[in-house]
Amino acid sequence: MRTVLNAIDAARQAVKSPGAKRLISTTRIAERIDASKTLEDEVESVNENFGQELRVL
């Protein structure tokens, strides 16, 4: 989690450094701790629900 938050902070700093006067960020992290799923399981669920093929990078 710390790695993700550090990446978000780095992205915000990169936008701010050229002199941006306002920056609005929205970050949503949803984590199910009552079920164990792999990333592939999550992608399969999205594909089933949205009817299009996604791929994991």
PDB file of N, CA and C in Angstrom:
ATOM      1  N   MET A   1       0.827  -1.185   0.000  1.00  0.00           N
ATOM      2  CA  MET A   1       0.000   0.000   0.000  1.00  0.00           C
ATOM      3  C   MET A   1       0.871   1.248   0.000  1.00  0.00           C
ATOM      4  N   ARG A   2       1.940   1.209   0.779  1.00  0.00           N
ATOM      5  CA  ARG A   2       2.831   2.367   0.848  1.00  0.00           C
ATOM      6  C   ARG A   2       3.401   2.692  -0.531  1.00  0.00           C
ATOM      7  N   THR A   3       3.725   1.671  -1.339  1.00  0.00           N
ATOM      8  CA  THR A   3       4.260   1.882  -2.675  1.00  0.00           C
ATOM      9  C   THR A   3       3.250   2.618  -3.552  1.00  0.00           C
ATOM     10  N   VAL A   4       1.996   2.231  -3.461  1.00  0.00           N
ATOM     11  CA  VAL A   4       0.942   2.883  -4.241  1.00  0.00           C
ATOM     12  C   VAL A   4       0.806   4.343  -3.820  1.00  0.00           C
ATOM     13  N   LEU A   5       0.767   4.596  -2.525  1.00  0.00           N
ATOM     14  CA  LEU A   5       0.629   5.970  -2.043  1.00  0.00           C
ATOM     15  C   LEU A   5       1.842   6.822  -2.411  1.00  0.00           C
ATOM     16  N   ASN A   6       3.022   6.245  -2.386  1.00  0.00           N
ATOM     17  CA  ASN A   6       4.223   6.978  -2.813  1.00  0.00           C
ATOM     18  C   ASN A   6       4.151   7.323  -4.295  1.00  0.00           C
ATOM     19  N   ALA A   7       3.648   6.410  -5.113  1.00  0.00           N
ATOM     20  CA  ALA A   7       3.502   6.673  -6.547  1.00  0.00           C
ATOM     21  C   ALA A   7       2.498   7.797  -6.795  1.00  0.00           C
ATOM     22  N   ILE A   8       1.403   7.793  -6.049  1.00  0.00           N
ATOM     23  CA  ILE A   8       0.407   8.855  -6.173  1.00  0.00           C
ATOM     24  C   ILE A   8       1.029  10.196  -5.782  1.00  0.00           C
ATOM     25  N   ASP A   9       1.773  10.216  -4.693  1.00  0.00           N
ATOM     26  CA  ASP A   9       2.427  11.439  -4.257  1.00  0.00           C
ATOM     27  C   ASP A   9       3.423  11.935  -5.304  1.00  0.00           C
ATOM     28  N   ALA A  10       4.195  11.046  -5.891  1.00  0.00           N
ATOM     29  CA  ALA A  10       5.160  11.430  -6.918  1.00  0.00           C
ATOM     30  C   ALA A  10       4.460  12.027  -8.141  1.00  0.00           C
ATOM     31  N   ALA A  11       3.335  11.441  -8.528  1.00  0.00           N
ATOM     32  CA  ALA A  11       2.575  11.972  -9.667  1.00  0.00           C
ATOM     33  C   ALA A  11       2.043  13.369  -9.357  1.00  0.00           C
ATOM     34  N   ARG A  12       1.546  13.574  -8.154  1.00  0.00           N
ATOM     35  CA  ARG A  12       1.031  14.891  -7.753  1.00  0.00           C
ATOM     36  C   ARG A  12       2.155  15.920  -7.718  1.00  0.00           C
ATOM     37  N   GLN A  13       3.308  15.535  -7.209  1.00  0.00           N
ATOM     38  CA  GLN A  13       4.442  16.463  -7.162  1.00  0.00           C
ATOM     39  C   GLN A  13       4.897  16.846  -8.573  1.00  0.00           C
ATOM     40  N   ALA A  14       4.854  15.901  -9.496  1.00  0.00           N
ATOM     41  CA  ALA A  14       5.257  16.170 -10.877  1.00  0.00           C
ATOM     42  C   ALA A  14       4.327  17.190 -11.530  1.00  0.00           C
ATOM     43  N   VAL A  15       3.057  17.162 -11.175  1.00  0.00           N
ATOM     44  CA  VAL A  15       2.094  18.120 -11.717  1.00  0.00           C
ATOM     45  C   VAL A  15       2.272  19.478 -11.038  1.00  0.00           C
ATOM     46  N   LYS A  16       2.550  19.466  -9.739  1.00  0.00           N
ATOM     47  CA  LYS A  16       2.690  20.711  -8.991  1.00  0.00           C
ATOM     48  C   LYS A  16       3.977  21.462  -9.318  1.00  0.00           C
ATOM     49  N   SER A  17       5.040  20.762  -9.605  1.00  0.00           N
ATOM     50  CA  SER A  17       6.339  21.407  -9.769  1.00  0.00           C
ATOM     51  C   SER A  17       6.395  22.411 -10.920  1.00  0.00           C
ATOM     52  N   PRO A  18       5.688  22.195 -12.049  1.00  0.00           N
ATOM     53  CA  PRO A  18       5.722  23.215 -13.105  1.00  0.00           C
ATOM     54  C   PRO A  18       4.935  24.485 -12.748  1.00  0.00           C
ATOM     55  N   GLY A  19       4.273  24.495 -11.595  1.00  0.00           N
ATOM     56  CA  GLY A  19       3.583  25.697 -11.172  1.00  0.00           C
ATOM     57  C   GLY A  19       2.075  25.630 -11.218  1.00  0.00           C
ATOM     58  N   ALA A  20       1.510  24.442 -11.184  1.00  0.00           N
ATOM     59  CA  ALA A  20       0.053  24.325 -11.167  1.00  0.00           C
ATOM     60  C   ALA A  20      -0.491  25.059  -9.948  1.00  0.00           C
ATOM     61  N   LYS A  21      -1.558  25.830 -10.146  1.00  0.00           N
ATOM     62  CA  LYS A  21      -2.140  26.598  -9.050  1.00  0.00           C
ATOM     63  C   LYS A  21      -3.171  25.795  -8.265  1.00  0.00           C
ATOM     64  N   ARG A  22      -3.736  24.799  -8.891  1.00  0.00           N
ATOM     65  CA  ARG A  22      -4.736  23.979  -8.204  1.00  0.00           C
ATOM     66  C   ARG A  22      -4.616  22.552  -8.711  1.00  0.00           C
ATOM     67  N   LEU A  23      -4.763  21.632  -7.809  1.00  0.00           N
ATOM     68  CA  LEU A  23      -4.692  20.210  -8.151  1.00  0.00           C
ATOM     69  C   LEU A  23      -5.774  19.491  -7.366  1.00  0.00           C
ATOM     70  N   ILE A  24      -6.616  18.794  -8.068  1.00  0.00           N
ATOM     71  CA  ILE A  24      -7.665  18.007  -7.430  1.00  0.00           C
ATOM     72  C   ILE A  24      -7.381  16.540  -7.714  1.00  0.00           C
ATOM     73  N   SER A  25      -7.298  15.759  -6.681  1.00  0.00           N
ATOM     74  CA  SER A  25      -7.028  14.326  -6.817  1.00  0.00           C
ATOM     75  C   SER A  25      -8.104  13.545  -6.089  1.00  0.00           C
ATOM     76  N   THR A  26      -8.508  12.459  -6.700  1.00  0.00           N
ATOM     77  CA  THR A  26      -9.426  11.536  -6.058  1.00  0.00           C
ATOM     78  C   THR A  26      -8.815  10.152  -6.148  1.00  0.00           C
ATOM     79  N   THR A  27      -8.671   9.521  -5.017  1.00  0.00           N
ATOM     80  CA  THR A  27      -8.119   8.169  -4.969  1.00  0.00           C
ATOM     81  C   THR A  27      -9.092   7.294  -4.208  1.00  0.00           C
ATOM     82  N   ARG A  28      -9.444   6.188  -4.816  1.00  0.00           N
ATOM     83  CA  ARG A  28     -10.336   5.239  -4.156  1.00  0.00           C
ATOM     84  C   ARG A  28      -9.658   3.885  -4.141  1.00  0.00           C
ATOM     85  N   ILE A  29      -9.553   3.337  -2.972  1.00  0.00           N
ATOM     86  CA  ILE A  29      -8.952   2.017  -2.815  1.00  0.00           C
ATOM     87  C   ILE A  29      -9.982   1.137  -2.120  1.00  0.00           C
ATOM     88  N   ALA A  30     -10.452   0.137  -2.828  1.00  0.00           N
ATOM     89  CA  ALA A  30     -11.426  -0.796  -2.261  1.00  0.00           C
ATOM     90  C   ALA A  30     -10.727  -2.139  -2.075  1.00  0.00           C
ATOM     91  N   GLU A  31     -10.815  -2.644  -0.884  1.00  0.00           N
ATOM     92  CA  GLU A  31     -10.130  -3.898  -0.580  1.00  0.00           C
ATOM     93  C   GLU A  31     -11.074  -4.822   0.167  1.00  0.00           C
ATOM     94  N   ARG A  32     -11.291  -5.994  -0.402  1.00  0.00           N
ATOM     95  CA  ARG A  32     -12.114  -6.997   0.280  1.00  0.00           C
ATOM     96  C   ARG A  32     -11.196  -7.853   1.126  1.00  0.00           C
ATOM     97  N   ILE A  33     -11.442  -7.851   2.397  1.00  0.00           N
ATOM     98  CA  ILE A  33     -10.615  -8.664   3.276  1.00  0.00           C
ATOM     99  C   ILE A  33     -11.344  -9.925   3.718  1.00  0.00           C
ATOM    100  N   ASP A  34     -12.596 -10.072   3.256  1.00  0.00           N
ATOM    101  CA  ASP A  34     -13.365 -11.262   3.618  1.00  0.00           C
ATOM    102  C   ASP A  34     -13.299 -12.344   2.551  1.00  0.00           C
ATOM    103  N   ALA A  35     -12.602 -12.060   1.425  1.00  0.00           N
ATOM    104  CA  ALA A  35     -12.498 -13.041   0.347  1.00  0.00           C
ATOM    105  C   ALA A  35     -11.112 -12.948  -0.270  1.00  0.00           C
ATOM    106  N   SER A  36     -10.573 -14.077  -0.635  1.00  0.00           N
ATOM    107  CA  SER A  36      -9.255 -14.115  -1.251  1.00  0.00           C
ATOM    108  C   SER A  36      -9.406 -14.291  -2.756  1.00  0.00           C
ATOM    109  N   LYS A  37      -9.005 -13.285  -3.519  1.00  0.00           N
ATOM    110  CA  LYS A  37      -9.065 -13.354  -4.977  1.00  0.00           C
ATOM    111  C   LYS A  37      -7.745 -12.888  -5.557  1.00  0.00           C
ATOM    112  N   THR A  38      -7.393 -13.484  -6.683  1.00  0.00           N
ATOM    113  CA  THR A  38      -6.191 -13.053  -7.381  1.00  0.00           C
ATOM    114  C   THR A  38      -6.563 -11.912  -8.327  1.00  0.00           C
ATOM    115  N   LEU A  39      -5.556 -11.226  -8.865  1.00  0.00           N
ATOM    116  CA  LEU A  39      -5.805 -10.172  -9.836  1.00  0.00           C
ATOM    117  C   LEU A  39      -6.520 -10.737 -11.064  1.00  0.00           C
ATOM    118  N   GLU A  40      -6.150 -11.945 -11.464  1.00  0.00           N
ATOM    119  CA  GLU A  40      -6.805 -12.579 -12.610  1.00  0.00           C
ATOM    120  C   GLU A  40      -8.290 -12.807 -12.338  1.00  0.00           C
ATOM    121  N   ASP A  41      -8.633 -13.202 -11.097  1.00  0.00           N
ATOM    122  CA  ASP A  41     -10.041 -13.367 -10.717  1.00  0.00           C
ATOM    123  C   ASP A  41     -10.792 -12.044 -10.850  1.00  0.00           C
ATOM    124  N   GLU A  42     -10.166 -10.960 -10.414  1.00  0.00           N
ATOM    125  CA  GLU A  42     -10.796  -9.644 -10.487  1.00  0.00           C
ATOM    126  C   GLU A  42     -11.016  -9.222 -11.942  1.00  0.00           C
ATOM    127  N   VAL A  43     -10.020  -9.441 -12.789  1.00  0.00           N
ATOM    128  CA  VAL A  43     -10.135  -9.086 -14.208  1.00  0.00           C
ATOM    129  C   VAL A  43     -11.239  -9.902 -14.860  1.00  0.00           C
ATOM    130  N   GLU A  44     -11.315 -11.184 -14.550  1.00  0.00           N
ATOM    131  CA  GLU A  44     -12.373 -12.041 -15.094  1.00  0.00           C
ATOM    132  C   GLU A  44     -13.751 -11.524 -14.681  1.00  0.00           C
ATOM    133  N   SER A  45     -13.890 -11.103 -13.444  1.00  0.00           N
ATOM    134  CA  SER A  45     -15.156 -10.557 -12.959  1.00  0.00           C
ATOM    135  C   SER A  45     -15.533  -9.292 -13.712  1.00  0.00           C
ATOM    136  N   VAL A  46     -14.567  -8.418 -13.938  1.00  0.00           N
ATOM    137  CA  VAL A  46     -14.830  -7.188 -14.698  1.00  0.00           C
ATOM    138  C   VAL A  46     -15.250  -7.537 -16.117  1.00  0.00           C
ATOM    139  N   ASN A  47     -14.546  -8.468 -16.749  1.00  0.00           N
ATOM    140  CA  ASN A  47     -14.892  -8.881 -18.113  1.00  0.00           C
ATOM    141  C   ASN A  47     -16.316  -9.427 -18.183  1.00  0.00           C
ATOM    142  N   GLU A  48     -16.699 -10.205 -17.200  1.00  0.00           N
ATOM    143  CA  GLU A  48     -18.054 -10.768 -17.178  1.00  0.00           C
ATOM    144  C   GLU A  48     -19.097  -9.668 -16.977  1.00  0.00           C
ATOM    145  N   ASN A  49     -18.823  -8.728 -16.098  1.00  0.00           N
ATOM    146  CA  ASN A  49     -19.794  -7.683 -15.777  1.00  0.00           C
ATOM    147  C   ASN A  49     -19.916  -6.603 -16.838  1.00  0.00           C
ATOM    148  N   PHE A  50     -18.838  -6.325 -17.542  1.00  0.00           N
ATOM    149  CA  PHE A  50     -18.869  -5.251 -18.526  1.00  0.00           C
ATOM    150  C   PHE A  50     -18.891  -5.751 -19.967  1.00  0.00           C
ATOM    151  N   GLY A  51     -18.754  -7.041 -20.159  1.00  0.00           N
ATOM    152  CA  GLY A  51     -18.890  -7.622 -21.479  1.00  0.00           C
ATOM    153  C   GLY A  51     -17.802  -7.252 -22.469  1.00  0.00           C
ATOM    154  N   GLN A  52     -16.627  -6.914 -21.976  1.00  0.00           N
ATOM    155  CA  GLN A  52     -15.519  -6.640 -22.876  1.00  0.00           C
ATOM    156  C   GLN A  52     -14.245  -7.233 -22.290  1.00  0.00           C
ATOM    157  N   GLU A  53     -13.310  -7.487 -23.150  1.00  0.00           N
ATOM    158  CA  GLU A  53     -12.082  -8.155 -22.736  1.00  0.00           C
ATOM    159  C   GLU A  53     -11.071  -7.131 -22.227  1.00  0.00           C
ATOM    160  N   LEU A  54     -10.595  -7.308 -21.011  1.00  0.00           N
ATOM    161  CA  LEU A  54      -9.542  -6.492 -20.454  1.00  0.00           C
ATOM    162  C   LEU A  54      -8.328  -7.376 -20.271  1.00  0.00           C
ATOM    163  N   ARG A  55      -7.179  -6.747 -20.161  1.00  0.00           N
ATOM    164  CA  ARG A  55      -5.976  -7.536 -19.927  1.00  0.00           C
ATOM    165  C   ARG A  55      -5.173  -6.935 -18.792  1.00  0.00           C
ATOM    166  N   VAL A  56      -4.422  -7.759 -18.115  1.00  0.00           N
ATOM    167  CA  VAL A  56      -3.565  -7.326 -17.019  1.00  0.00           C
ATOM    168  C   VAL A  56      -2.227  -6.934 -17.611  1.00  0.00           C
ATOM    169  N   LEU A  57      -1.760  -5.752 -17.252  1.00  0.00           N
ATOM    170  CA  LEU A  57      -0.458  -5.297 -17.753  1.00  0.00           C
ATOM    171  C   LEU A  57       0.654  -5.801 -16.897  1.00  0.00           C
TER     172      LEU A  57
END
